Amino acid sequence: MPATRDITGLLARLKSGDDGAGSELIQKIYPELHKLAARCLFGERPGHSLQPTVLVNEVYLRLIGKQEVDWQSRSHFFAVAARVMRRILVDHARARNAAKRGGGFPGVSLDEMPLLTNEQSELVLAVHDCLDRLVELDKRQAEVVEMRFFGGLTEEEIAIVLGVSPRTVKRDWAMARAWLHAELKS
């Protein structure tokens, strides 16, 4: 738990305007964010320019620039990071699909574009669309999926963020996973 308290303390210092906290924070969270990004990008084509490091840097820049966020804890930070990572991946998948239809980036070959593979972009968009539908049925289950799938948070961490028991998270995860499986299959 000391690492959790360290990160929570650094987030509080960053919120209060301590410039040194940002560099300390990145040293503490970078390895975990990198693992999450690598997991999200697993199966990328070799030589792809959207690498975990690029994704981590983009997530970090988007998160640290948000001074209005009242960071509650390490878990809260990684839950928001999961949402930001999802948005970035969805944006890239949409851009790839737009490029396939002739829109997007004129004058740039598809091989040079820093986007997901066809299969991955379709999967990311399909999961994103399913999560949008799941929000309408059960918002908490959608949040659990987002934090697990895009953020790699544990059931205990998700429980803290959502203010529920780990058992509730486990139940939500099982139900949402079954629902997603059925949705993605069709």
Protein backbone atom coordinates (compact mmCIF):
# COMPACT_ATOMS: atom_id res chain seq x y z
CA MET A 1 0.00 0.00 0.00
CA PRO A 2 2.90 2.48 0.35
CA ALA A 3 3.05 2.86 -3.45
CA THR A 4 -0.68 3.61 -3.46
CA ARG A 5 -0.25 6.27 -0.78
CA ASP A 6 2.78 7.70 -2.61
CA ILE A 7 0.81 8.08 -5.82
CA THR A 8 -2.20 9.53 -4.01
CA GLY A 9 0.10 12.00 -2.24
CA LEU A 10 1.80 12.97 -5.49
CA LEU A 11 -1.58 13.54 -7.14
CA ALA A 12 -2.58 15.82 -4.25
CA ARG A 13 0.70 17.73 -4.54
CA LEU A 14 0.22 18.08 -8.29
CA LYS A 15 -3.31 19.40 -7.76
CA SER A 16 -1.99 22.01 -5.33
CA GLY A 17 0.46 23.26 -7.97
CA ASP A 18 3.70 21.52 -6.93
CA ASP A 19 5.63 21.34 -10.22
CA GLY A 20 8.08 18.75 -8.88
CA ALA A 21 5.25 16.32 -8.19
CA GLY A 22 4.67 15.80 -11.93
CA SER A 23 8.13 14.36 -12.58
CA GLU A 24 7.95 12.18 -9.46
CA LEU A 25 4.49 11.00 -10.46
CA ILE A 26 5.51 9.94 -13.95
CA GLN A 27 8.34 7.85 -12.50
CA LYS A 28 5.88 6.07 -10.22
CA ILE A 29 3.03 5.52 -12.69
CA TYR A 30 4.90 5.09 -15.97
CA PRO A 31 5.60 1.35 -15.56
CA GLU A 32 1.94 0.60 -14.82
CA LEU A 33 0.63 2.83 -17.61
CA HIS A 34 3.10 1.20 -19.99
CA LYS A 35 1.85 -2.29 -19.05
CA LEU A 36 -1.73 -1.16 -19.63
CA ALA A 37 -0.84 0.35 -22.99
CA ALA A 38 1.09 -2.74 -24.04
CA ARG A 39 -1.90 -4.89 -23.15
CA CYS A 40 -4.25 -2.66 -25.13
CA LEU A 41 -1.93 -2.77 -28.15
CA PHE A 42 -1.15 -6.49 -27.92
CA GLY A 43 -1.03 -8.04 -31.37
CA GLU A 44 -0.13 -4.84 -33.22
CA ARG A 45 1.60 -5.27 -36.52
CA PRO A 46 5.43 -5.03 -36.20
CA GLY A 47 6.88 -1.58 -36.82
CA HIS A 48 3.58 0.07 -36.01
CA SER A 49 4.17 3.66 -34.91
CA LEU A 50 1.44 3.65 -32.24
CA GLN A 51 3.56 1.98 -29.61
CA PRO A 52 2.81 1.66 -25.89
CA THR A 53 5.22 4.52 -25.14
CA VAL A 54 3.36 6.87 -27.49
CA LEU A 55 0.02 5.85 -25.99
CA VAL A 56 1.33 6.35 -22.43
CA ASN A 57 2.69 9.78 -23.28
CA GLU A 58 -0.62 10.84 -24.82
CA VAL A 59 -2.58 9.56 -21.81
CA TYR A 60 -0.23 11.25 -19.37
CA LEU A 61 -0.36 14.59 -21.19
CA ARG A 62 -4.15 14.52 -21.28
CA LEU A 63 -4.43 13.60 -17.60
CA ILE A 64 -1.84 15.90 -16.08
CA GLY A 65 -3.22 18.90 -17.96
CA LYS A 66 -6.53 18.43 -16.12
CA GLN A 67 -6.02 20.64 -13.09
CA GLU A 68 -9.76 20.64 -12.42
CA VAL A 69 -9.76 16.90 -11.62
CA ASP A 70 -9.83 16.24 -7.89
CA TRP A 71 -7.72 13.08 -7.83
CA GLN A 72 -9.01 10.90 -4.99
CA SER A 73 -6.54 8.03 -5.16
CA ARG A 74 -4.29 5.90 -7.30
CA SER A 75 -7.29 3.81 -8.31
CA HIS A 76 -9.23 6.91 -9.35
CA PHE A 77 -6.28 8.05 -11.47
CA PHE A 78 -6.01 4.68 -13.24
CA ALA A 79 -9.78 4.53 -13.76
CA VAL A 80 -9.64 7.89 -15.54
CA ALA A 81 -6.52 6.75 -17.41
CA ALA A 82 -8.48 3.73 -18.65
CA ARG A 83 -11.22 6.01 -19.99
CA VAL A 84 -8.67 8.28 -21.71
CA MET A 85 -6.87 5.27 -23.19
CA ARG A 86 -10.19 4.00 -24.52
CA ARG A 87 -10.93 7.36 -26.15
CA ILE A 88 -7.51 7.51 -27.80
CA LEU A 89 -7.84 3.97 -29.17
CA VAL A 90 -11.36 4.64 -30.42
CA ASP A 91 -10.21 7.87 -32.10
CA HIS A 92 -7.41 5.95 -33.82
CA ALA A 93 -9.75 3.17 -34.89
CA ARG A 94 -12.23 5.68 -36.31
CA ALA A 95 -9.44 7.49 -38.14
CA ARG A 96 -8.27 4.20 -39.63
CA ASN A 97 -11.78 3.38 -40.81
CA ALA A 98 -12.18 6.89 -42.25
CA ALA A 99 -8.88 6.49 -44.09
CA LYS A 100 -10.07 3.18 -45.54
CA ARG A 101 -13.10 5.00 -46.95
CA GLY A 102 -10.96 7.69 -48.56
CA GLY A 103 -11.25 10.35 -45.85
CA GLY A 104 -8.81 11.22 -43.16
CA PHE A 105 -5.26 12.06 -43.99
CA PRO A 106 -4.64 12.96 -47.64
CA GLY A 107 -1.15 12.35 -48.94
CA VAL A 108 -0.18 9.84 -46.25
CA SER A 109 0.04 6.17 -47.08
CA LEU A 110 -1.80 3.77 -44.82
CA ASP A 111 1.49 2.08 -43.95
CA GLU A 112 2.76 5.31 -42.42
CA MET A 113 -0.35 6.04 -40.38
CA PRO A 114 0.00 5.57 -36.61
CA LEU A 115 -3.21 3.59 -36.33
CA LEU A 116 -4.46 0.20 -35.26
CA THR A 117 -4.60 -2.83 -37.51
CA ASN A 118 -7.93 -3.53 -39.25
CA GLU A 119 -8.83 -6.31 -36.84
CA GLN A 120 -7.90 -4.29 -33.77
CA SER A 121 -9.66 -1.14 -34.90
CA GLU A 122 -12.81 -3.15 -35.56
CA LEU A 123 -12.56 -4.82 -32.14
CA VAL A 124 -11.96 -1.51 -30.33
CA LEU A 125 -14.93 0.07 -32.12
CA ALA A 126 -17.13 -2.97 -31.46
CA VAL A 127 -16.26 -2.97 -27.74
CA HIS A 128 -16.78 0.79 -27.63
CA ASP A 129 -20.21 0.49 -29.27
CA CYS A 130 -21.18 -2.35 -26.93
CA LEU A 131 -20.08 -0.31 -23.92
CA ASP A 132 -22.22 2.59 -25.11
CA ARG A 133 -25.22 0.23 -25.23
CA LEU A 134 -24.32 -1.33 -21.89
CA VAL A 135 -24.27 2.12 -20.25
CA GLU A 136 -27.96 2.38 -21.10
CA LEU A 137 -28.67 -1.00 -19.45
CA ASP A 138 -26.29 -0.84 -16.49
CA LYS A 139 -23.88 2.06 -16.11
CA ARG A 140 -21.86 0.44 -13.32
CA GLN A 141 -21.27 -2.72 -15.35
CA ALA A 142 -20.03 -0.58 -18.24
CA GLU A 143 -17.65 1.24 -15.89
CA VAL A 144 -16.36 -2.08 -14.57
CA VAL A 145 -15.67 -3.30 -18.12
CA GLU A 146 -13.94 -0.06 -19.04
CA MET A 147 -11.70 -0.16 -15.98
CA ARG A 148 -10.86 -3.86 -16.47
CA PHE A 149 -10.55 -3.96 -20.28
CA PHE A 150 -8.90 -0.60 -20.93
CA GLY A 151 -7.38 0.10 -17.53
CA GLY A 152 -6.36 -3.27 -16.17
CA LEU A 153 -7.60 -2.37 -12.70
CA THR A 154 -8.18 -5.16 -10.21
CA GLU A 155 -11.58 -5.91 -8.74
CA GLU A 156 -10.45 -4.37 -5.45
CA GLU A 157 -9.30 -1.16 -7.15
CA ILE A 158 -12.53 -0.89 -9.11
CA ALA A 159 -14.51 -1.45 -5.91
CA ILE A 160 -12.72 1.49 -4.29
CA VAL A 161 -13.38 3.76 -7.27
CA LEU A 162 -17.05 2.80 -7.48
CA GLY A 163 -17.64 2.63 -3.73
CA VAL A 164 -18.95 -0.94 -3.81
CA SER A 165 -17.68 -4.28 -2.53
CA PRO A 166 -15.20 -6.38 -4.53
CA ARG A 167 -17.87 -9.09 -4.64
CA THR A 168 -20.25 -6.67 -6.40
CA VAL A 169 -17.52 -5.83 -8.91
CA LYS A 170 -16.89 -9.52 -9.51
CA ARG A 171 -20.61 -10.09 -10.13
CA ASP A 172 -20.85 -7.02 -12.41
CA TRP A 173 -17.76 -8.16 -14.34
CA ALA A 174 -19.18 -11.66 -14.86
CA MET A 175 -22.55 -10.36 -16.05
CA ALA A 176 -21.06 -7.68 -18.28
CA ARG A 177 -18.55 -10.09 -19.76
CA ALA A 178 -21.32 -12.57 -20.63
CA TRP A 179 -23.43 -9.77 -22.13
CA LEU A 180 -20.46 -8.44 -24.15
CA HIS A 181 -19.62 -11.90 -25.40
CA ALA A 182 -23.17 -12.36 -26.69
CA GLU A 183 -23.21 -8.85 -28.23
CA LEU A 184 -19.82 -9.23 -29.93
CA LYS A 185 -20.76 -12.68 -31.23
CA SER A 186 -23.81 -11.27 -32.98
